[in-house]
Amino acid sequence: MSESNKDENVNKEDNKSSIAGETKSEKVEHTVEEKLKISEDKLLRALADSENQRRRFEKEIKDAFDFGGFNFAREMLTSLDNLQRAKKSMQEDEVLKKSKEFTKFLKNIEIIEKDLISTFEKNKITKIKCLNKMFDPNFHQAMLEIEDEKVEPGTIIQEIQPGFMFGERLLRPSFVGISKKKGEKNDKNK
C-alpha cells in the first residue's frame, strides 16, 4: 500500500467518526472521563469499606468492655449456687442447729452471700424474676410440669434454680416448674 492510500484510509476513518459526531480528541476525553468515573467509584467503595470496618471494630471493642467478663460471671454463679446449697444444708441439719456457734456461722455465710449478690448487681448481673409469670423459652428452662387448676397453664409456679442476666444478655436461664391443667397429658396421648 502506498503512502497516499494510507492517508486516504486515515481520512476516511476521521470522516466516519466526524459523521458519528465524535473527533479523535473527544474519544480520548470520553475514555478519560470513564476512567475518572471508575476511579471515583473505586475510591468511594474503598472509603465505605474502611468506614464499615471502623464501625465493626468500635462495636467489637464496646462488646469486649461490656461483656468481657461474661464467662467469668457464669463461673461465679456456680460459687453462689454452692454457697446457697451449703447454707440450706446447714439450716436443715438438726445436729448443727443445736450447736452454740451455729447462728454466728450462719450469719457469716449470709453476709458473704449478700456481698456476692451485691457485687453481681454492681456489674450488671441481675437475677431473673420469674415466679407467677408466663413461661418464656428465651429466659426459662422447664424442668417439670405441675398440675394446678388455680393458675393458667404455662405459668411458672416453682423456681428450681434462679436464672441471671448479664446486662441485656442471658447469662443462665431459670430452671422452673410450670403449671398444667389436670389430665392435660392424658388428653394429649388420646
N, C-alpha and C. Protein backbone atom coordinates (compact mmCIF):
# COMPACT_ATOMS: atom_id res chain seq x y z
N MET A 1 0.83 -1.16 0.00
CA MET A 1 0.00 0.00 0.00
C MET A 1 0.88 1.23 0.00
N SER A 2 0.47 2.19 -0.81
CA SER A 2 1.28 3.39 -0.92
C SER A 2 0.94 4.35 0.19
N GLU A 3 1.78 5.35 0.32
CA GLU A 3 1.66 6.38 1.36
C GLU A 3 0.35 7.14 1.21
N SER A 4 -0.03 7.45 -0.01
CA SER A 4 -1.26 8.21 -0.24
C SER A 4 -2.48 7.39 0.09
N ASN A 5 -2.43 6.09 -0.17
CA ASN A 5 -3.56 5.22 0.18
C ASN A 5 -3.75 5.15 1.70
N LYS A 6 -2.65 5.13 2.43
CA LYS A 6 -2.72 5.10 3.89
C LYS A 6 -3.37 6.36 4.41
N ASP A 7 -2.96 7.50 3.86
CA ASP A 7 -3.52 8.79 4.27
C ASP A 7 -5.01 8.84 3.97
N GLU A 8 -5.41 8.30 2.84
CA GLU A 8 -6.82 8.30 2.47
C GLU A 8 -7.62 7.44 3.44
N ASN A 9 -7.07 6.30 3.82
CA ASN A 9 -7.76 5.42 4.77
C ASN A 9 -7.93 6.11 6.12
N VAL A 10 -6.91 6.81 6.58
CA VAL A 10 -6.98 7.53 7.86
C VAL A 10 -8.02 8.63 7.75
N ASN A 11 -8.03 9.37 6.62
CA ASN A 11 -9.02 10.44 6.43
C ASN A 11 -10.43 9.88 6.39
N LYS A 12 -10.58 8.72 5.76
CA LYS A 12 -11.90 8.09 5.72
C LYS A 12 -12.37 7.76 7.14
N GLU A 13 -11.46 7.23 7.96
CA GLU A 13 -11.79 6.89 9.36
C GLU A 13 -12.18 8.15 10.12
N ASP A 14 -11.42 9.25 9.91
CA ASP A 14 -11.73 10.52 10.58
C ASP A 14 -13.10 11.02 10.15
N ASN A 15 -13.40 10.87 8.86
CA ASN A 15 -14.70 11.32 8.36
C ASN A 15 -15.83 10.49 8.98
N LYS A 16 -15.60 9.17 9.12
CA LYS A 16 -16.63 8.32 9.71
C LYS A 16 -16.92 8.76 11.15
N SER A 17 -15.85 9.04 11.93
CA SER A 17 -16.07 9.47 13.30
C SER A 17 -16.66 10.86 13.35
N SER A 18 -16.34 11.72 12.38
CA SER A 18 -16.95 13.05 12.36
C SER A 18 -18.42 12.94 12.06
N ILE A 19 -18.77 12.02 11.19
CA ILE A 19 -20.17 11.81 10.86
C ILE A 19 -20.90 11.31 12.12
N ALA A 20 -20.25 10.45 12.89
CA ALA A 20 -20.85 9.92 14.12
C ALA A 20 -20.91 10.99 15.19
N GLY A 21 -20.27 12.13 14.99
CA GLY A 21 -20.32 13.23 15.94
C GLY A 21 -19.17 13.23 16.93
N GLU A 22 -18.15 12.48 16.67
CA GLU A 22 -17.00 12.45 17.58
C GLU A 22 -15.73 12.71 16.80
N THR A 23 -14.82 13.40 17.46
CA THR A 23 -13.50 13.60 16.86
C THR A 23 -12.53 12.75 17.65
N LYS A 24 -11.30 12.66 17.20
CA LYS A 24 -10.29 11.87 17.90
C LYS A 24 -10.07 12.40 19.31
N SER A 25 -10.02 13.71 19.49
CA SER A 25 -9.76 14.29 20.80
C SER A 25 -10.92 14.02 21.75
N GLU A 26 -12.17 14.00 21.24
CA GLU A 26 -13.32 13.70 22.10
C GLU A 26 -13.30 12.25 22.53
N LYS A 27 -12.85 11.35 21.66
CA LYS A 27 -12.76 9.93 22.01
C LYS A 27 -11.81 9.75 23.19
N VAL A 28 -10.69 10.42 23.16
CA VAL A 28 -9.71 10.32 24.23
C VAL A 28 -10.29 10.90 25.52
N GLU A 29 -10.98 12.04 25.42
CA GLU A 29 -11.60 12.67 26.58
C GLU A 29 -12.65 11.74 27.19
N HIS A 30 -13.46 11.16 26.34
CA HIS A 30 -14.51 10.27 26.81
C HIS A 30 -13.90 9.10 27.58
N THR A 31 -12.84 8.54 27.14
CA THR A 31 -12.18 7.44 27.83
C THR A 31 -11.59 7.92 29.14
N VAL A 32 -11.06 9.10 29.16
CA VAL A 32 -10.51 9.65 30.40
C VAL A 32 -11.64 9.87 31.40
N GLU A 33 -12.79 10.36 30.92
CA GLU A 33 -13.94 10.56 31.81
C GLU A 33 -14.42 9.22 32.38
N GLU A 34 -14.45 8.20 31.54
CA GLU A 34 -14.85 6.88 32.02
C GLU A 34 -13.88 6.37 33.08
N LYS A 35 -12.59 6.56 32.80
CA LYS A 35 -11.57 6.13 33.76
C LYS A 35 -11.72 6.90 35.07
N LEU A 36 -12.02 8.18 34.97
CA LEU A 36 -12.21 9.00 36.16
C LEU A 36 -13.42 8.51 36.96
N LYS A 37 -14.51 8.19 36.28
CA LYS A 37 -15.70 7.67 36.97
C LYS A 37 -15.41 6.34 37.64
N ILE A 38 -14.68 5.47 36.97
CA ILE A 38 -14.32 4.17 37.52
C ILE A 38 -13.45 4.35 38.76
N SER A 39 -12.46 5.25 38.65
CA SER A 39 -11.57 5.52 39.78
C SER A 39 -12.34 6.12 40.95
N GLU A 40 -13.27 7.02 40.65
CA GLU A 40 -14.07 7.64 41.69
C GLU A 40 -14.94 6.58 42.39
N ASP A 41 -15.52 5.69 41.60
CA ASP A 41 -16.35 4.62 42.16
C ASP A 41 -15.52 3.72 43.08
N LYS A 42 -14.32 3.35 42.63
CA LYS A 42 -13.43 2.51 43.44
C LYS A 42 -13.06 3.21 44.74
N LEU A 43 -12.78 4.50 44.66
CA LEU A 43 -12.41 5.27 45.84
C LEU A 43 -13.58 5.31 46.84
N LEU A 44 -14.78 5.57 46.33
CA LEU A 44 -15.96 5.62 47.21
C LEU A 44 -16.20 4.27 47.87
N ARG A 45 -16.02 3.19 47.11
CA ARG A 45 -16.21 1.85 47.68
C ARG A 45 -15.15 1.57 48.76
N ALA A 46 -13.92 1.97 48.51
CA ALA A 46 -12.85 1.75 49.49
C ALA A 46 -13.12 2.56 50.76
N LEU A 47 -13.59 3.80 50.61
CA LEU A 47 -13.92 4.63 51.78
C LEU A 47 -15.07 4.01 52.57
N ALA A 48 -16.09 3.54 51.88
CA ALA A 48 -17.23 2.90 52.54
C ALA A 48 -16.78 1.63 53.27
N ASP A 49 -15.91 0.87 52.63
CA ASP A 49 -15.38 -0.34 53.23
C ASP A 49 -14.61 -0.04 54.51
N SER A 50 -13.75 0.96 54.46
CA SER A 50 -12.97 1.31 55.66
C SER A 50 -13.87 1.87 56.76
N GLU A 51 -14.92 2.60 56.40
CA GLU A 51 -15.88 3.11 57.39
C GLU A 51 -16.63 1.96 58.05
N ASN A 52 -17.05 0.98 57.27
CA ASN A 52 -17.73 -0.20 57.82
C ASN A 52 -16.81 -0.98 58.76
N GLN A 53 -15.56 -1.11 58.37
CA GLN A 53 -14.60 -1.82 59.20
C GLN A 53 -14.36 -1.07 60.51
N ARG A 54 -14.28 0.26 60.46
CA ARG A 54 -14.09 1.07 61.66
C ARG A 54 -15.28 0.87 62.62
N ARG A 55 -16.49 0.90 62.07
CA ARG A 55 -17.69 0.70 62.90
C ARG A 55 -17.70 -0.69 63.53
N ARG A 56 -17.30 -1.69 62.74
CA ARG A 56 -17.26 -3.06 63.24
C ARG A 56 -16.25 -3.17 64.41
N PHE A 57 -15.09 -2.56 64.25
CA PHE A 57 -14.08 -2.58 65.31
C PHE A 57 -14.58 -1.86 66.56
N GLU A 58 -15.25 -0.72 66.38
CA GLU A 58 -15.79 0.01 67.52
C GLU A 58 -16.81 -0.83 68.28
N LYS A 59 -17.66 -1.55 67.53
CA LYS A 59 -18.67 -2.42 68.17
C LYS A 59 -17.99 -3.56 68.92
N GLU A 60 -16.96 -4.14 68.32
CA GLU A 60 -16.25 -5.24 68.97
C GLU A 60 -15.57 -4.76 70.26
N ILE A 61 -15.01 -3.56 70.23
CA ILE A 61 -14.36 -3.00 71.42
C ILE A 61 -15.41 -2.75 72.50
N LYS A 62 -16.55 -2.18 72.11
CA LYS A 62 -17.63 -1.91 73.08
C LYS A 62 -18.12 -3.22 73.68
N ASP A 63 -18.33 -4.23 72.85
CA ASP A 63 -18.78 -5.53 73.34
C ASP A 63 -17.74 -6.16 74.28
N ALA A 64 -16.48 -5.98 73.96
CA ALA A 64 -15.42 -6.53 74.82
C ALA A 64 -15.46 -5.88 76.20
N PHE A 65 -15.70 -4.56 76.24
CA PHE A 65 -15.81 -3.89 77.54
C PHE A 65 -17.09 -4.29 78.25
N ASP A 66 -18.19 -4.35 77.52
CA ASP A 66 -19.49 -4.64 78.14
C ASP A 66 -19.63 -6.10 78.56
N PHE A 67 -19.10 -7.03 77.75
CA PHE A 67 -19.34 -8.44 78.00
C PHE A 67 -18.05 -9.25 78.16
N GLY A 68 -16.96 -8.58 78.43
CA GLY A 68 -15.68 -9.28 78.57
C GLY A 68 -15.66 -10.26 79.72
N GLY A 69 -16.41 -9.96 80.78
CA GLY A 69 -16.43 -10.84 81.94
C GLY A 69 -17.55 -11.85 81.92
N PHE A 70 -18.14 -12.08 80.76
CA PHE A 70 -19.29 -12.96 80.64
C PHE A 70 -18.97 -14.37 81.15
N ASN A 71 -17.89 -14.97 80.69
CA ASN A 71 -17.54 -16.34 81.11
C ASN A 71 -17.18 -16.38 82.59
N PHE A 72 -16.48 -15.35 83.05
CA PHE A 72 -16.13 -15.29 84.47
C PHE A 72 -17.39 -15.20 85.32
N ALA A 73 -18.34 -14.37 84.89
CA ALA A 73 -19.60 -14.21 85.62
C ALA A 73 -20.35 -15.54 85.68
N ARG A 74 -20.39 -16.26 84.58
CA ARG A 74 -21.09 -17.55 84.54
C ARG A 74 -20.46 -18.53 85.53
N GLU A 75 -19.15 -18.53 85.60
CA GLU A 75 -18.48 -19.43 86.53
C GLU A 75 -18.68 -19.01 87.98
N MET A 76 -18.79 -17.71 88.22
CA MET A 76 -19.03 -17.23 89.58
C MET A 76 -20.42 -17.60 90.08
N LEU A 77 -21.37 -17.78 89.16
CA LEU A 77 -22.71 -18.22 89.56
C LEU A 77 -22.64 -19.57 90.26
N THR A 78 -21.71 -20.41 89.85
CA THR A 78 -21.54 -21.72 90.48
C THR A 78 -21.14 -21.55 91.94
N SER A 79 -20.28 -20.57 92.21
CA SER A 79 -19.88 -20.30 93.60
C SER A 79 -21.07 -19.85 94.44
N LEU A 80 -21.89 -18.97 93.87
CA LEU A 80 -23.09 -18.52 94.58
C LEU A 80 -24.03 -19.69 94.84
N ASP A 81 -24.24 -20.53 93.82
CA ASP A 81 -25.10 -21.70 93.98
C ASP A 81 -24.59 -22.61 95.09
N ASN A 82 -23.30 -22.87 95.10
CA ASN A 82 -22.72 -23.76 96.12
C ASN A 82 -22.85 -23.16 97.51
N LEU A 83 -22.66 -21.86 97.62
CA LEU A 83 -22.80 -21.19 98.91
C LEU A 83 -24.24 -21.30 99.41
N GLN A 84 -25.20 -21.10 98.52
CA GLN A 84 -26.61 -21.20 98.90
C GLN A 84 -26.99 -22.63 99.26
N ARG A 85 -26.45 -23.61 98.55
CA ARG A 85 -26.72 -25.01 98.88
C ARG A 85 -26.15 -25.36 100.26
N ALA A 86 -24.94 -24.86 100.54
CA ALA A 86 -24.31 -25.12 101.84
C ALA A 86 -25.14 -24.49 102.96
N LYS A 87 -25.62 -23.29 102.73
CA LYS A 87 -26.46 -22.60 103.73
C LYS A 87 -27.74 -23.40 104.00
N LYS A 88 -28.39 -23.84 102.93
CA LYS A 88 -29.64 -24.60 103.07
C LYS A 88 -29.37 -25.93 103.78
N SER A 89 -28.29 -26.57 103.43
CA SER A 89 -27.93 -27.84 104.05
C SER A 89 -27.69 -27.66 105.55
N MET A 90 -27.02 -26.58 105.91
CA MET A 90 -26.76 -26.31 107.32
C MET A 90 -28.06 -26.03 108.08
N GLN A 91 -28.97 -25.31 107.44
CA GLN A 91 -30.24 -24.99 108.09
C GLN A 91 -31.08 -26.23 108.32
N GLU A 92 -30.92 -27.24 107.51
CA GLU A 92 -31.71 -28.46 107.62
C GLU A 92 -31.06 -29.52 108.52
N ASP A 93 -29.80 -29.30 108.89
CA ASP A 93 -29.08 -30.27 109.72
C ASP A 93 -29.43 -30.05 111.20
N GLU A 94 -30.07 -31.04 111.80
CA GLU A 94 -30.53 -30.93 113.20
C GLU A 94 -29.36 -30.87 114.18
N VAL A 95 -28.28 -31.58 113.90
CA VAL A 95 -27.12 -31.59 114.81
C VAL A 95 -26.47 -30.21 114.83
N LEU A 96 -26.31 -29.60 113.66
CA LEU A 96 -25.69 -28.27 113.59
C LEU A 96 -26.57 -27.21 114.26
N LYS A 97 -27.86 -27.34 114.14
CA LYS A 97 -28.77 -26.36 114.74
C LYS A 97 -28.60 -26.28 116.25
N LYS A 98 -28.21 -27.37 116.88
CA LYS A 98 -28.04 -27.42 118.34
C LYS A 98 -26.72 -26.80 118.78
N SER A 99 -25.81 -26.58 117.86
CA SER A 99 -24.50 -26.02 118.19
C SER A 99 -24.63 -24.57 118.63
N LYS A 100 -23.76 -24.16 119.58
CA LYS A 100 -23.77 -22.79 120.09
C LYS A 100 -23.38 -21.79 119.00
N GLU A 101 -22.48 -22.16 118.18
CA GLU A 101 -21.91 -21.25 117.17
C GLU A 101 -22.69 -21.25 115.85
N PHE A 102 -23.73 -22.03 115.78
CA PHE A 102 -24.48 -22.18 114.53
C PHE A 102 -25.00 -20.84 113.99
N THR A 103 -25.66 -20.05 114.83
CA THR A 103 -26.26 -18.80 114.35
C THR A 103 -25.18 -17.82 113.89
N LYS A 104 -24.06 -17.75 114.61
CA LYS A 104 -22.96 -16.85 114.18
C LYS A 104 -22.42 -17.28 112.81
N PHE A 105 -22.20 -18.58 112.68
CA PHE A 105 -21.67 -19.10 111.43
C PHE A 105 -22.64 -18.85 110.27
N LEU A 106 -23.93 -19.08 110.52
CA LEU A 106 -24.95 -18.86 109.50
C LEU A 106 -25.02 -17.39 109.09
N LYS A 107 -24.89 -16.49 110.06
CA LYS A 107 -24.89 -15.05 109.75
C LYS A 107 -23.69 -14.68 108.87
N ASN A 108 -22.54 -15.27 109.14
CA ASN A 108 -21.35 -15.01 108.31
C ASN A 108 -21.56 -15.50 106.88
N ILE A 109 -22.18 -16.65 106.74
CA ILE A 109 -22.48 -17.19 105.40
C ILE A 109 -23.43 -16.23 104.67
N GLU A 110 -24.43 -15.73 105.38
CA GLU A 110 -25.40 -14.79 104.78
C GLU A 110 -24.73 -13.49 104.37
N ILE A 111 -23.77 -13.02 105.14
CA ILE A 111 -23.03 -11.79 104.79
C ILE A 111 -22.24 -12.01 103.50
N ILE A 112 -21.58 -13.15 103.39
CA ILE A 112 -20.82 -13.47 102.18
C ILE A 112 -21.76 -13.55 100.98
N GLU A 113 -22.91 -14.18 101.18
CA GLU A 113 -23.91 -14.32 100.11
C GLU A 113 -24.38 -12.93 99.65
N LYS A 114 -24.70 -12.05 100.59
CA LYS A 114 -25.17 -10.69 100.25
C LYS A 114 -24.08 -9.90 99.53
N ASP A 115 -22.84 -10.04 99.98
CA ASP A 115 -21.72 -9.34 99.31
C ASP A 115 -21.56 -9.82 97.87
N LEU A 116 -21.67 -11.11 97.67
CA LEU A 116 -21.52 -11.67 96.34
C LEU A 116 -22.65 -11.19 95.42
N ILE A 117 -23.87 -11.19 95.93
CA ILE A 117 -25.01 -10.71 95.14
C ILE A 117 -24.87 -9.22 94.85
N SER A 118 -24.41 -8.45 95.83
CA SER A 118 -24.19 -7.01 95.64
C SER A 118 -23.13 -6.75 94.56
N THR A 119 -22.07 -7.54 94.58
CA THR A 119 -21.02 -7.42 93.56
C THR A 119 -21.57 -7.74 92.19
N PHE A 120 -22.40 -8.76 92.11
CA PHE A 120 -23.05 -9.10 90.84
C PHE A 120 -23.86 -7.92 90.33
N GLU A 121 -24.69 -7.34 91.18
CA GLU A 121 -25.55 -6.24 90.77
C GLU A 121 -24.75 -5.02 90.31
N LYS A 122 -23.63 -4.75 90.96
CA LYS A 122 -22.77 -3.63 90.56
C LYS A 122 -22.20 -3.84 89.16
N ASN A 123 -22.07 -5.10 88.78
CA ASN A 123 -21.50 -5.45 87.48
C ASN A 123 -22.56 -5.90 86.48
N LYS A 124 -23.78 -5.41 86.64
CA LYS A 124 -24.90 -5.65 85.72
C LYS A 124 -25.32 -7.11 85.61
N ILE A 125 -25.12 -7.87 86.68
CA ILE A 125 -25.58 -9.26 86.71
C ILE A 125 -26.80 -9.28 87.62
N THR A 126 -27.96 -9.51 87.03
CA THR A 126 -29.20 -9.44 87.80
C THR A 126 -29.97 -10.76 87.71
N LYS A 127 -30.67 -11.04 88.80
CA LYS A 127 -31.48 -12.25 88.87
C LYS A 127 -32.75 -12.05 88.06
N ILE A 128 -33.16 -13.10 87.35
CA ILE A 128 -34.40 -13.06 86.57
C ILE A 128 -35.56 -13.36 87.52
N LYS A 129 -36.52 -12.46 87.57
CA LYS A 129 -37.72 -12.69 88.38
C LYS A 129 -38.70 -13.46 87.51
N CYS A 130 -39.07 -14.66 87.96
CA CYS A 130 -39.89 -15.49 87.08
C CYS A 130 -41.15 -16.06 87.72
N LEU A 131 -41.22 -16.10 89.03
CA LEU A 131 -42.39 -16.71 89.67
C LEU A 131 -43.66 -15.98 89.29
N ASN A 132 -44.70 -16.75 89.02
CA ASN A 132 -46.04 -16.26 88.64
C ASN A 132 -46.05 -15.51 87.31
N LYS A 133 -45.05 -15.73 86.48
CA LYS A 133 -45.02 -15.16 85.14
C LYS A 133 -45.19 -16.29 84.13
N MET A 134 -45.54 -15.93 82.90
CA MET A 134 -45.69 -16.94 81.85
C MET A 134 -44.32 -17.46 81.43
N PHE A 135 -44.27 -18.73 81.11
CA PHE A 135 -43.04 -19.36 80.66
C PHE A 135 -42.56 -18.73 79.35
N ASP A 136 -41.28 -18.37 79.30
CA ASP A 136 -40.66 -17.80 78.10
C ASP A 136 -39.39 -18.60 77.83
N PRO A 137 -39.34 -19.38 76.75
CA PRO A 137 -38.16 -20.22 76.49
C PRO A 137 -36.87 -19.42 76.27
N ASN A 138 -36.98 -18.12 76.07
CA ASN A 138 -35.78 -17.30 75.92
C ASN A 138 -35.08 -17.07 77.26
N PHE A 139 -35.84 -17.19 78.36
CA PHE A 139 -35.28 -16.91 79.68
C PHE A 139 -35.45 -18.05 80.68
N HIS A 140 -36.28 -19.03 80.36
CA HIS A 140 -36.58 -20.10 81.30
C HIS A 140 -36.36 -21.47 80.66
N GLN A 141 -36.04 -22.43 81.51
CA GLN A 141 -35.93 -23.81 81.06
C GLN A 141 -36.85 -24.64 81.94
N ALA A 142 -37.87 -25.25 81.33
CA ALA A 142 -38.85 -26.03 82.08
C ALA A 142 -38.23 -27.35 82.50
N MET A 143 -38.28 -27.61 83.80
CA MET A 143 -37.72 -28.85 84.33
C MET A 143 -38.83 -29.84 84.69
N LEU A 144 -40.02 -29.31 85.01
CA LEU A 144 -41.13 -30.18 85.35
C LEU A 144 -42.45 -29.43 85.17
N GLU A 145 -43.52 -30.22 85.05
CA GLU A 145 -44.86 -29.67 84.97
C GLU A 145 -45.61 -30.09 86.22
N ILE A 146 -46.38 -29.16 86.76
CA ILE A 146 -47.12 -29.42 87.98
C ILE A 146 -48.59 -29.14 87.71
N GLU A 147 -49.44 -30.09 88.05
CA GLU A 147 -50.87 -29.89 87.85
C GLU A 147 -51.37 -28.85 88.84
N ASP A 148 -52.03 -27.81 88.33
CA ASP A 148 -52.54 -26.73 89.17
C ASP A 148 -53.69 -26.05 88.45
N GLU A 149 -54.88 -26.16 89.02
CA GLU A 149 -56.07 -25.56 88.41
C GLU A 149 -56.23 -24.08 88.75
N LYS A 150 -55.46 -23.60 89.73
CA LYS A 150 -55.61 -22.22 90.21
C LYS A 150 -55.01 -21.19 89.25
N VAL A 151 -54.02 -21.60 88.49
CA VAL A 151 -53.34 -20.66 87.58
C VAL A 151 -53.45 -21.14 86.14
N GLU A 152 -53.21 -20.24 85.25
CA GLU A 152 -53.26 -20.54 83.82
C GLU A 152 -52.12 -21.49 83.44
N PRO A 153 -52.38 -22.45 82.56
CA PRO A 153 -51.30 -23.36 82.13
C PRO A 153 -50.13 -22.57 81.52
N GLY A 154 -48.93 -23.00 81.84
CA GLY A 154 -47.75 -22.32 81.32
C GLY A 154 -47.20 -21.26 82.26
N THR A 155 -47.85 -21.09 83.43
CA THR A 155 -47.39 -20.13 84.42
C THR A 155 -46.30 -20.78 85.27
N ILE A 156 -45.27 -20.03 85.58
CA ILE A 156 -44.17 -20.55 86.40
C ILE A 156 -44.62 -20.52 87.85
N ILE A 157 -44.64 -21.71 88.48
CA ILE A 157 -45.09 -21.78 89.87
C ILE A 157 -43.98 -22.27 90.81
N GLN A 158 -42.84 -22.66 90.25
CA GLN A 158 -41.72 -23.08 91.08
C GLN A 158 -40.41 -22.71 90.40
N GLU A 159 -39.48 -22.16 91.19
CA GLU A 159 -38.15 -21.85 90.66
C GLU A 159 -37.18 -22.85 91.28
N ILE A 160 -36.61 -23.68 90.46
CA ILE A 160 -35.68 -24.70 90.93
C ILE A 160 -34.28 -24.12 91.09
N GLN A 161 -33.86 -23.35 90.09
CA GLN A 161 -32.56 -22.67 90.14
C GLN A 161 -32.75 -21.31 89.48
N PRO A 162 -32.32 -20.24 90.14
CA PRO A 162 -32.54 -18.91 89.56
C PRO A 162 -31.70 -18.68 88.30
N GLY A 163 -32.25 -17.90 87.40
CA GLY A 163 -31.54 -17.51 86.20
C GLY A 163 -30.99 -16.11 86.37
N PHE A 164 -30.02 -15.74 85.54
CA PHE A 164 -29.39 -14.43 85.64
C PHE A 164 -29.16 -13.83 84.27
N MET A 165 -29.21 -12.51 84.23
CA MET A 165 -28.91 -11.73 83.03
C MET A 165 -27.59 -11.01 83.25
N PHE A 166 -26.81 -10.87 82.18
CA PHE A 166 -25.58 -10.08 82.22
C PHE A 166 -25.81 -8.90 81.30
N GLY A 167 -26.27 -7.79 81.87
CA GLY A 167 -26.70 -6.66 81.06
C GLY A 167 -27.95 -7.06 80.32
N GLU A 168 -27.88 -7.05 79.00
CA GLU A 168 -29.03 -7.43 78.16
C GLU A 168 -28.94 -8.87 77.68
N ARG A 169 -27.86 -9.57 78.05
CA ARG A 169 -27.67 -10.95 77.59
C ARG A 169 -28.05 -11.94 78.67
N LEU A 170 -28.54 -13.09 78.23
CA LEU A 170 -28.88 -14.17 79.16
C LEU A 170 -27.59 -14.85 79.61
N LEU A 171 -27.37 -14.84 80.92
CA LEU A 171 -26.19 -15.50 81.47
C LEU A 171 -26.51 -16.97 81.76
N ARG A 172 -27.68 -17.19 82.37
CA ARG A 172 -28.13 -18.54 82.64
C ARG A 172 -29.66 -18.51 82.74
N PRO A 173 -30.35 -19.47 82.09
CA PRO A 173 -31.81 -19.47 82.19
C PRO A 173 -32.26 -19.94 83.58
N SER A 174 -33.46 -19.54 83.96
CA SER A 174 -34.06 -20.02 85.21
C SER A 174 -34.59 -21.43 84.97
N PHE A 175 -34.27 -22.34 85.88
CA PHE A 175 -34.82 -23.69 85.81
C PHE A 175 -36.11 -23.65 86.61
N VAL A 176 -37.22 -23.96 85.96
CA VAL A 176 -38.53 -23.73 86.57
C VAL A 176 -39.47 -24.91 86.44
N GLY A 177 -40.50 -24.86 87.27
CA GLY A 177 -41.63 -25.78 87.16
C GLY A 177 -42.82 -24.97 86.70
N ILE A 178 -43.52 -25.48 85.70
CA ILE A 178 -44.66 -24.73 85.14
C ILE A 178 -45.96 -25.49 85.39
N SER A 179 -47.04 -24.72 85.40
CA SER A 179 -48.34 -25.31 85.68
C SER A 179 -48.94 -25.94 84.43
N LYS A 180 -49.80 -26.91 84.68
CA LYS A 180 -50.58 -27.51 83.60
C LYS A 180 -51.94 -27.89 84.17
N LYS A 181 -52.90 -28.06 83.31
CA LYS A 181 -54.23 -28.48 83.75
C LYS A 181 -54.20 -29.95 84.14
N LYS A 182 -55.10 -30.33 85.02
CA LYS A 182 -55.20 -31.75 85.40
C LYS A 182 -55.56 -32.57 84.19
N GLY A 183 -54.90 -33.69 84.03
CA GLY A 183 -55.22 -34.60 82.94
C GLY A 183 -54.78 -34.10 81.58
N GLU A 184 -54.00 -33.05 81.52
CA GLU A 184 -53.56 -32.49 80.23
C GLU A 184 -52.73 -33.49 79.44
N LYS A 185 -51.88 -34.22 80.13
CA LYS A 185 -51.02 -35.19 79.46
C LYS A 185 -51.85 -36.34 78.88
N ASN A 186 -52.85 -36.78 79.65
CA ASN A 186 -53.71 -37.86 79.16
C ASN A 186 -54.49 -37.44 77.92
N ASP A 187 -54.96 -36.19 77.88
CA ASP A 187 -55.69 -35.70 76.71
C ASP A 187 -54.80 -35.72 75.47
N LYS A 188 -53.55 -35.36 75.65
CA LYS A 188 -52.64 -35.32 74.50
C LYS A 188 -52.39 -36.74 73.98
N ASN A 189 -52.27 -37.70 74.90
CA ASN A 189 -52.00 -39.08 74.50
C ASN A 189 -53.17 -39.69 73.73
N LYS A 190 -54.40 -39.31 74.08
CA LYS A 190 -55.57 -39.86 73.40
C LYS A 190 -55.65 -39.31 72.00
